[in-house]
PDB file of all heavy atoms in Angstrom:
ATOM      1  N   LEU A   1     122.757  78.191 117.966  1.00  0.00           N
ATOM      2  CA  LEU A   1     123.896  78.381 118.884  1.00  0.00           C
ATOM      3  C   LEU A   1     124.373  77.002 119.388  1.00  0.00           C
ATOM      4  O   LEU A   1     123.557  76.241 119.962  1.00  0.00           O
ATOM      5  CB  LEU A   1     123.530  79.255 120.039  1.00  0.00           C
ATOM      6  CG  LEU A   1     123.580  80.734 119.921  1.00  0.00           C
ATOM      7  CD1 LEU A   1     123.280  81.404 121.213  1.00  0.00           C
ATOM      8  CD2 LEU A   1     124.824  81.284 119.335  1.00  0.00           C
ATOM      9  N   ALA A   2     125.584  76.630 119.048  1.00  0.00           N
ATOM     10  CA  ALA A   2     126.117  75.330 119.490  1.00  0.00           C
ATOM     11  C   ALA A   2     126.554  75.486 120.917  1.00  0.00           C
ATOM     12  O   ALA A   2     127.056  76.473 121.378  1.00  0.00           O
ATOM     13  CB  ALA A   2     127.213  74.906 118.581  1.00  0.00           C
ATOM     14  N   VAL A   3     126.450  74.380 121.712  1.00  0.00           N
ATOM     15  CA  VAL A   3     126.813  74.315 123.143  1.00  0.00           C
ATOM     16  C   VAL A   3     127.747  73.131 123.390  1.00  0.00           C
ATOM     17  O   VAL A   3     127.461  72.044 122.944  1.00  0.00           O
ATOM     18  CB  VAL A   3     125.584  74.258 124.039  1.00  0.00           C
ATOM     19  CG1 VAL A   3     126.009  74.263 125.475  1.00  0.00           C
ATOM     20  CG2 VAL A   3     124.590  75.386 123.760  1.00  0.00           C
ATOM     21  N   ALA A   4     128.832  73.450 124.064  1.00  0.00           N
ATOM     22  CA  ALA A   4     129.777  72.359 124.423  1.00  0.00           C
ATOM     23  C   ALA A   4     130.148  72.396 125.881  1.00  0.00           C
ATOM     24  O   ALA A   4     130.174  73.407 126.509  1.00  0.00           O
ATOM     25  CB  ALA A   4     131.075  72.515 123.597  1.00  0.00           C
ATOM     26  N   LYS A   5     130.321  71.129 126.429  1.00  0.00           N
ATOM     27  CA  LYS A   5     130.818  70.978 127.773  1.00  0.00           C
ATOM     28  C   LYS A   5     132.128  70.260 127.668  1.00  0.00           C
ATOM     29  O   LYS A   5     132.182  69.079 127.296  1.00  0.00           O
ATOM     30  CB  LYS A   5     129.813  70.142 128.598  1.00  0.00           C
ATOM     31  CG  LYS A   5     130.276  69.821 130.013  1.00  0.00           C
ATOM     32  CD  LYS A   5     129.257  68.906 130.781  1.00  0.00           C
ATOM     33  CE  LYS A   5     129.736  68.586 132.113  1.00  0.00           C
ATOM     34  NZ  LYS A   5     128.821  67.700 132.851  1.00  0.00           N
ATOM     35  N   GLY A   6     133.163  71.019 127.891  1.00  0.00           N
ATOM     36  CA  GLY A   6     134.566  70.448 127.699  1.00  0.00           C
ATOM     37  C   GLY A   6     134.687  70.088 126.205  1.00  0.00           C
ATOM     38  O   GLY A   6     134.454  70.838 125.305  1.00  0.00           O
ATOM     39  N   ALA A   7     135.084  68.819 125.944  1.00  0.00           N
ATOM     40  CA  ALA A   7     135.324  68.364 124.520  1.00  0.00           C
ATOM     41  C   ALA A   7     134.043  67.722 123.941  1.00  0.00           C
ATOM     42  O   ALA A   7     134.089  67.189 122.861  1.00  0.00           O
ATOM     43  CB  ALA A   7     136.457  67.288 124.562  1.00  0.00           C
ATOM     44  N   GLN A   8     132.925  67.788 124.665  1.00  0.00           N
ATOM     45  CA  GLN A   8     131.698  67.200 124.118  1.00  0.00           C
ATOM     46  C   GLN A   8     130.732  68.249 123.582  1.00  0.00           C
ATOM     47  O   GLN A   8     130.330  69.175 124.322  1.00  0.00           O
ATOM     48  CB  GLN A   8     131.009  66.412 125.267  1.00  0.00           C
ATOM     49  CG  GLN A   8     129.706  65.634 124.773  1.00  0.00           C
ATOM     50  CD  GLN A   8     129.012  64.887 125.854  1.00  0.00           C
ATOM     51  OE1 GLN A   8     129.320  65.119 127.106  1.00  0.00           O
ATOM     52  NE2 GLN A   8     128.051  64.084 125.576  1.00  0.00           N
ATOM     53  N   LEU A   9     130.330  68.101 122.349  1.00  0.00           N
ATOM     54  CA  LEU A   9     129.375  68.979 121.746  1.00  0.00           C
ATOM     55  C   LEU A   9     127.958  68.443 122.047  1.00  0.00           C
ATOM     56  O   LEU A   9     127.531  67.367 121.601  1.00  0.00           O
ATOM     57  CB  LEU A   9     129.577  69.035 120.239  1.00  0.00           C
ATOM     58  CG  LEU A   9     129.063  70.291 119.491  1.00  0.00           C
ATOM     59  CD1 LEU A   9     129.605  70.438 118.134  1.00  0.00           C
ATOM     60  CD2 LEU A   9     127.547  70.374 119.501  1.00  0.00           C
ATOM     61  N   LEU A  10     127.201  69.132 122.934  1.00  0.00           N
ATOM     62  CA  LEU A  10     125.970  68.689 123.491  1.00  0.00           C
ATOM     63  C   LEU A  10     124.783  68.861 122.601  1.00  0.00           C
ATOM     64  O   LEU A  10     123.742  68.133 122.705  1.00  0.00           O
ATOM     65  CB  LEU A  10     125.646  69.287 124.877  1.00  0.00           C
ATOM     66  CG  LEU A  10     126.739  69.071 125.966  1.00  0.00           C
ATOM     67  CD1 LEU A  10     126.360  69.845 127.190  1.00  0.00           C
ATOM     68  CD2 LEU A  10     126.858  67.587 126.246  1.00  0.00           C
ATOM     69  N   GLY A  11     124.826  69.876 121.723  1.00  0.00           N
ATOM     70  CA  GLY A  11     123.628  70.151 120.860  1.00  0.00           C
ATOM     71  C   GLY A  11     123.582  71.638 120.497  1.00  0.00           C
ATOM     72  O   GLY A  11     124.593  72.354 120.678  1.00  0.00           O
ATOM     73  N   VAL A  12     122.382  72.028 120.136  1.00  0.00           N
ATOM     74  CA  VAL A  12     122.199  73.479 119.718  1.00  0.00           C
ATOM     75  C   VAL A  12     121.018  74.068 120.354  1.00  0.00           C
ATOM     76  O   VAL A  12     120.044  73.396 120.764  1.00  0.00           O
ATOM     77  CB  VAL A  12     122.159  73.611 118.128  1.00  0.00           C
ATOM     78  CG1 VAL A  12     123.426  73.228 117.461  1.00  0.00           C
ATOM     79  CG2 VAL A  12     120.949  72.749 117.619  1.00  0.00           C
ATOM     80  N   ILE A  13     121.064  75.397 120.487  1.00  0.00           N
ATOM     81  CA  ILE A  13     119.957  76.236 120.952  1.00  0.00           C
ATOM     82  C   ILE A  13     119.341  76.855 119.797  1.00  0.00           C
ATOM     83  O   ILE A  13     120.000  77.476 118.940  1.00  0.00           O
ATOM     84  CB  ILE A  13     120.395  77.305 121.998  1.00  0.00           C
ATOM     85  CG1 ILE A  13     121.210  76.661 123.121  1.00  0.00           C
ATOM     86  CG2 ILE A  13     119.177  78.080 122.492  1.00  0.00           C
ATOM     87  CD1 ILE A  13     121.906  77.731 123.975  1.00  0.00           C
ATOM     88  N   TYR A  14     118.011  76.744 119.650  1.00  0.00           N
ATOM     89  CA  TYR A  14     117.281  77.338 118.524  1.00  0.00           C
ATOM     90  C   TYR A  14     116.828  78.794 118.983  1.00  0.00           C
ATOM     91  O   TYR A  14     115.954  78.952 119.740  1.00  0.00           O
ATOM     92  CB  TYR A  14     116.076  76.475 118.156  1.00  0.00           C
ATOM     93  CG  TYR A  14     115.155  76.987 117.047  1.00  0.00           C
ATOM     94  CD1 TYR A  14     115.503  78.081 116.289  1.00  0.00           C
ATOM     95  CD2 TYR A  14     113.953  76.353 116.818  1.00  0.00           C
ATOM     96  CE1 TYR A  14     114.608  78.471 115.259  1.00  0.00           C
ATOM     97  CE2 TYR A  14     113.116  76.748 115.818  1.00  0.00           C
ATOM     98  CZ  TYR A  14     113.498  77.804 115.030  1.00  0.00           C
ATOM     99  OH  TYR A  14     112.592  78.268 114.019  1.00  0.00           O
ATOM    100  N   LEU A  15     117.584  79.866 118.412  1.00  0.00           N
ATOM    101  CA  LEU A  15     117.190  81.231 118.609  1.00  0.00           C
ATOM    102  C   LEU A  15     116.253  81.656 117.482  1.00  0.00           C
ATOM    103  O   LEU A  15     116.545  81.496 116.340  1.00  0.00           O
ATOM    104  CB  LEU A  15     118.391  82.136 118.650  1.00  0.00           C
ATOM    105  CG  LEU A  15     119.415  81.921 119.753  1.00  0.00           C
ATOM    106  CD1 LEU A  15     120.566  82.940 119.680  1.00  0.00           C
ATOM    107  CD2 LEU A  15     118.723  82.051 121.161  1.00  0.00           C
ATOM    108  N   LYS A  16     115.096  82.120 117.919  1.00  0.00           N
ATOM    109  CA  LYS A  16     114.112  82.417 116.877  1.00  0.00           C
ATOM    110  C   LYS A  16     113.596  83.858 116.946  1.00  0.00           C
ATOM    111  O   LYS A  16     113.476  84.522 118.041  1.00  0.00           O
ATOM    112  CB  LYS A  16     112.850  81.519 117.133  1.00  0.00           C
ATOM    113  CG  LYS A  16     111.714  81.672 116.146  1.00  0.00           C
ATOM    114  CD  LYS A  16     110.536  80.777 116.434  1.00  0.00           C
ATOM    115  CE  LYS A  16     109.396  80.963 115.519  1.00  0.00           C
ATOM    116  NZ  LYS A  16     108.200  80.132 115.887  1.00  0.00           N
ATOM    117  N   ASP A  17     113.433  84.514 115.748  1.00  0.00           N
ATOM    118  CA  ASP A  17     112.814  85.768 115.664  1.00  0.00           C
ATOM    119  C   ASP A  17     111.307  85.638 115.926  1.00  0.00           C
ATOM    120  O   ASP A  17     110.643  84.802 115.304  1.00  0.00           O
ATOM    121  CB  ASP A  17     112.943  86.386 114.248  1.00  0.00           C
ATOM    122  CG  ASP A  17     114.245  87.205 114.128  1.00  0.00           C
ATOM    123  OD1 ASP A  17     114.520  88.054 114.951  1.00  0.00           O
ATOM    124  OD2 ASP A  17     115.075  86.816 113.174  1.00  0.00           O
ATOM    125  N   ILE A  18     110.796  86.392 116.869  1.00  0.00           N
ATOM    126  CA  ILE A  18     109.355  86.269 117.203  1.00  0.00           C
ATOM    127  C   ILE A  18     108.629  87.375 116.431  1.00  0.00           C
ATOM    128  O   ILE A  18     108.805  88.584 116.620  1.00  0.00           O
ATOM    129  CB  ILE A  18     109.170  86.476 118.714  1.00  0.00           C
ATOM    130  CG1 ILE A  18     110.032  85.533 119.522  1.00  0.00           C
ATOM    131  CG2 ILE A  18     107.661  86.298 119.035  1.00  0.00           C
ATOM    132  CD1 ILE A  18     109.816  84.080 119.276  1.00  0.00           C
ATOM    133  N   VAL A  19     107.790  86.902 115.488  1.00  0.00           N
ATOM    134  CA  VAL A  19     107.002  87.851 114.729  1.00  0.00           C
ATOM    135  C   VAL A  19     105.889  88.466 115.593  1.00  0.00           C
ATOM    136  O   VAL A  19     105.286  87.776 116.367  1.00  0.00           O
ATOM    137  CB  VAL A  19     106.330  87.102 113.533  1.00  0.00           C
ATOM    138  CG1 VAL A  19     105.347  88.076 112.796  1.00  0.00           C
ATOM    139  CG2 VAL A  19     107.389  86.602 112.560  1.00  0.00           C
ATOM    140  N   LYS A  20     105.697  89.788 115.500  1.00  0.00           N
ATOM    141  CA  LYS A  20     104.690  90.450 116.302  1.00  0.00           C
ATOM    142  C   LYS A  20     103.338  89.952 116.185  1.00  0.00           C
ATOM    143  O   LYS A  20     102.968  89.706 114.991  1.00  0.00           O
ATOM    144  CB  LYS A  20     104.780  92.024 116.033  1.00  0.00           C
ATOM    145  CG  LYS A  20     106.045  92.713 116.579  1.00  0.00           C
ATOM    146  CD  LYS A  20     105.931  94.212 116.441  1.00  0.00           C
ATOM    147  CE  LYS A  20     107.122  94.925 117.063  1.00  0.00           C
ATOM    148  NZ  LYS A  20     107.017  96.401 116.940  1.00  0.00           N
ATOM    149  N   PRO A  21     102.570  89.773 117.172  1.00  0.00           N
ATOM    150  CA  PRO A  21     101.210  89.318 117.080  1.00  0.00           C
ATOM    151  C   PRO A  21     100.380  90.214 116.245  1.00  0.00           C
ATOM    152  O   PRO A  21     100.428  91.492 116.449  1.00  0.00           O
ATOM    153  CB  PRO A  21     100.700  89.270 118.526  1.00  0.00           C
ATOM    154  CG  PRO A  21     101.958  89.204 119.368  1.00  0.00           C
ATOM    155  CD  PRO A  21     103.005  89.923 118.611  1.00  0.00           C
ATOM    156  N   GLY A  22      99.591  89.669 115.361  1.00  0.00           N
ATOM    157  CA  GLY A  22      98.699  90.531 114.520  1.00  0.00           C
ATOM    158  C   GLY A  22      99.321  91.218 113.348  1.00  0.00           C
ATOM    159  O   GLY A  22      98.632  91.921 112.593  1.00  0.00           O
ATOM    160  N   ILE A  23     100.630  91.110 113.177  1.00  0.00           N
ATOM    161  CA  ILE A  23     101.271  91.818 112.089  1.00  0.00           C
ATOM    162  C   ILE A  23     100.866  91.334 110.763  1.00  0.00           C
ATOM    163  O   ILE A  23     100.706  92.080 109.773  1.00  0.00           O
ATOM    164  CB  ILE A  23     102.868  91.740 112.233  1.00  0.00           C
ATOM    165  CG1 ILE A  23     103.491  92.854 111.355  1.00  0.00           C
ATOM    166  CG2 ILE A  23     103.374  90.395 111.838  1.00  0.00           C
ATOM    167  CD1 ILE A  23     103.379  94.224 111.888  1.00  0.00           C
ATOM    168  N   SER A  24     100.557  90.007 110.624  1.00  0.00           N
ATOM    169  CA  SER A  24     100.152  89.405 109.406  1.00  0.00           C
ATOM    170  C   SER A  24      98.784  90.026 108.952  1.00  0.00           C
ATOM    171  O   SER A  24      98.590  90.353 107.759  1.00  0.00           O
ATOM    172  CB  SER A  24      99.975  87.899 109.492  1.00  0.00           C
ATOM    173  OG  SER A  24      99.545  87.330 108.293  1.00  0.00           O
ATOM    174  N   ALA A  25      97.845  90.221 109.900  1.00  0.00           N
ATOM    175  CA  ALA A  25      96.551  90.797 109.597  1.00  0.00           C
ATOM    176  C   ALA A  25      96.730  92.276 109.110  1.00  0.00           C
ATOM    177  O   ALA A  25      95.982  92.700 108.205  1.00  0.00           O
ATOM    178  CB  ALA A  25      95.645  90.720 110.822  1.00  0.00           C
ATOM    179  N   ARG A  26      97.676  92.945 109.675  1.00  0.00           N
ATOM    180  CA  ARG A  26      97.921  94.368 109.351  1.00  0.00           C
ATOM    181  C   ARG A  26      98.457  94.403 107.892  1.00  0.00           C
ATOM    182  O   ARG A  26      98.065  95.293 107.112  1.00  0.00           O
ATOM    183  CB  ARG A  26      98.862  95.053 110.255  1.00  0.00           C
ATOM    184  CG  ARG A  26      98.372  95.106 111.722  1.00  0.00           C
ATOM    185  CD  ARG A  26      99.212  96.072 112.542  1.00  0.00           C
ATOM    186  NE  ARG A  26      98.836  97.413 112.234  1.00  0.00           N
ATOM    187  CZ  ARG A  26      99.381  98.438 112.896  1.00  0.00           C
ATOM    188  NH1 ARG A  26     100.282  98.270 113.846  1.00  0.00           N
ATOM    189  NH2 ARG A  26      99.013  99.681 112.622  1.00  0.00           N
ATOM    190  N   PHE A  27      99.264  93.463 107.552  1.00  0.00           N
ATOM    191  CA  PHE A  27      99.792  93.432 106.172  1.00  0.00           C
ATOM    192  C   PHE A  27      98.683  93.115 105.175  1.00  0.00           C
ATOM    193  O   PHE A  27      98.683  93.553 104.001  1.00  0.00           O
ATOM    194  CB  PHE A  27     100.952  92.440 106.039  1.00  0.00           C
ATOM    195  CG  PHE A  27     102.236  92.951 106.663  1.00  0.00           C
ATOM    196  CD1 PHE A  27     103.089  92.072 107.268  1.00  0.00           C
ATOM    197  CD2 PHE A  27     102.526  94.301 106.687  1.00  0.00           C
ATOM    198  CE1 PHE A  27     104.277  92.492 107.908  1.00  0.00           C
ATOM    199  CE2 PHE A  27     103.708  94.736 107.292  1.00  0.00           C
ATOM    200  CZ  PHE A  27     104.566  93.869 107.941  1.00  0.00           C
ATOM    201  N   MET A  28      97.717  92.320 105.602  1.00  0.00           N
ATOM    202  CA  MET A  28      96.565  92.043 104.752  1.00  0.00           C
ATOM    203  C   MET A  28      95.781  93.282 104.490  1.00  0.00           C
ATOM    204  O   MET A  28      95.312  93.546 103.361  1.00  0.00           O
ATOM    205  CB  MET A  28      95.673  90.967 105.389  1.00  0.00           C
ATOM    206  CG  MET A  28      96.245  89.563 105.356  1.00  0.00           C
ATOM    207  SD  MET A  28      95.206  88.308 106.162  1.00  0.00           S
ATOM    208  CE  MET A  28      93.809  88.371 105.051  1.00  0.00           C
ATOM    209  N   ARG A  29      95.637  94.145 105.511  1.00  0.00           N
ATOM    210  CA  ARG A  29      94.975  95.420 105.318  1.00  0.00           C
ATOM    211  C   ARG A  29      95.655  96.328 104.319  1.00  0.00           C
ATOM    212  O   ARG A  29      95.129  97.002 103.531  1.00  0.00           O
ATOM    213  CB  ARG A  29      94.851  96.189 106.727  1.00  0.00           C
ATOM    214  CG  ARG A  29      93.688  95.725 107.573  1.00  0.00           C
ATOM    215  CD  ARG A  29      93.775  96.314 108.945  1.00  0.00           C
ATOM    216  NE  ARG A  29      93.893  97.735 108.921  1.00  0.00           N
ATOM    217  CZ  ARG A  29      94.380  98.493 109.921  1.00  0.00           C
ATOM    218  NH1 ARG A  29      94.728  97.852 111.050  1.00  0.00           N
ATOM    219  NH2 ARG A  29      94.445  99.769 109.871  1.00  0.00           N
ATOM    220  N   ILE A  30      97.011  96.294 104.490  1.00  0.00           N
ATOM    221  CA  ILE A  30      97.853  97.191 103.609  1.00  0.00           C
ATOM    222  C   ILE A  30      97.747  96.674 102.143  1.00  0.00           C
ATOM    223  O   ILE A  30      97.629  97.438 101.238  1.00  0.00           O
ATOM    224  CB  ILE A  30      99.336  97.068 104.085  1.00  0.00           C
ATOM    225  CG1 ILE A  30      99.463  97.791 105.390  1.00  0.00           C
ATOM    226  CG2 ILE A  30     100.211  97.771 103.035  1.00  0.00           C
ATOM    227  CD1 ILE A  30     100.791  97.644 106.022  1.00  0.00           C
ATOM    228  N   ARG A  31      97.742  95.338 101.980  1.00  0.00           N
ATOM    229  CA  ARG A  31      97.573  94.782 100.671  1.00  0.00           C
ATOM    230  C   ARG A  31      96.265  95.140 100.021  1.00  0.00           C
ATOM    231  O   ARG A  31      96.193  95.387  98.812  1.00  0.00           O
ATOM    232  CB  ARG A  31      97.759  93.266 100.692  1.00  0.00           C
ATOM    233  CG  ARG A  31      98.019  92.565  99.386  1.00  0.00           C
ATOM    234  CD  ARG A  31      98.369  91.073  99.542  1.00  0.00           C
ATOM    235  NE  ARG A  31      99.672  90.951 100.263  1.00  0.00           N
ATOM    236  CZ  ARG A  31      99.741  90.477 101.520  1.00  0.00           C
ATOM    237  NH1 ARG A  31      98.683  90.123 102.179  1.00  0.00           N
ATOM    238  NH2 ARG A  31     100.954  90.350 102.110  1.00  0.00           N
ATOM    239  N   ALA A  32      95.240  95.259 100.883  1.00  0.00           N
ATOM    240  CA  ALA A  32      93.908  95.650 100.293  1.00  0.00           C
ATOM    241  C   ALA A  32      93.907  97.053  99.838  1.00  0.00           C
ATOM    242  O   ALA A  32      93.084  97.479  99.070  1.00  0.00           O
ATOM    243  CB  ALA A  32      92.844  95.450 101.476  1.00  0.00           C
ATOM    244  N   MET A  33      94.886  97.876 100.324  1.00  0.00           N
ATOM    245  CA  MET A  33      94.990  99.229  99.880  1.00  0.00           C
ATOM    246  C   MET A  33      95.748  99.362  98.546  1.00  0.00           C
ATOM    247  O   MET A  33      95.929 100.455  97.996  1.00  0.00           O
ATOM    248  CB  MET A  33      95.804 100.108 100.886  1.00  0.00           C
ATOM    249  CG  MET A  33      95.217 100.234 102.250  1.00  0.00           C
ATOM    250  SD  MET A  33      96.286 101.243 103.285  1.00  0.00           S
ATOM    251  CE  MET A  33      95.934 100.622 104.876  1.00  0.00           C
ATOM    252  N   GLY A  34      96.287  98.265  98.091  1.00  0.00           N
ATOM    253  CA  GLY A  34      97.101  98.284  96.867  1.00  0.00           C
ATOM    254  C   GLY A  34      98.510  98.610  97.160  1.00  0.00           C
ATOM    255  O   GLY A  34      99.246  99.071  96.241  1.00  0.00           O
TER     256      GLY A  34
END
């Protein structure tokens, strides 16, 4: 997200998707099931 103050472009905000804690381990369990 870009941010401006008047005619000055100040920079960007990094919006991030937060992966649920432990989801990677659950997918490893699923992979073990085939």
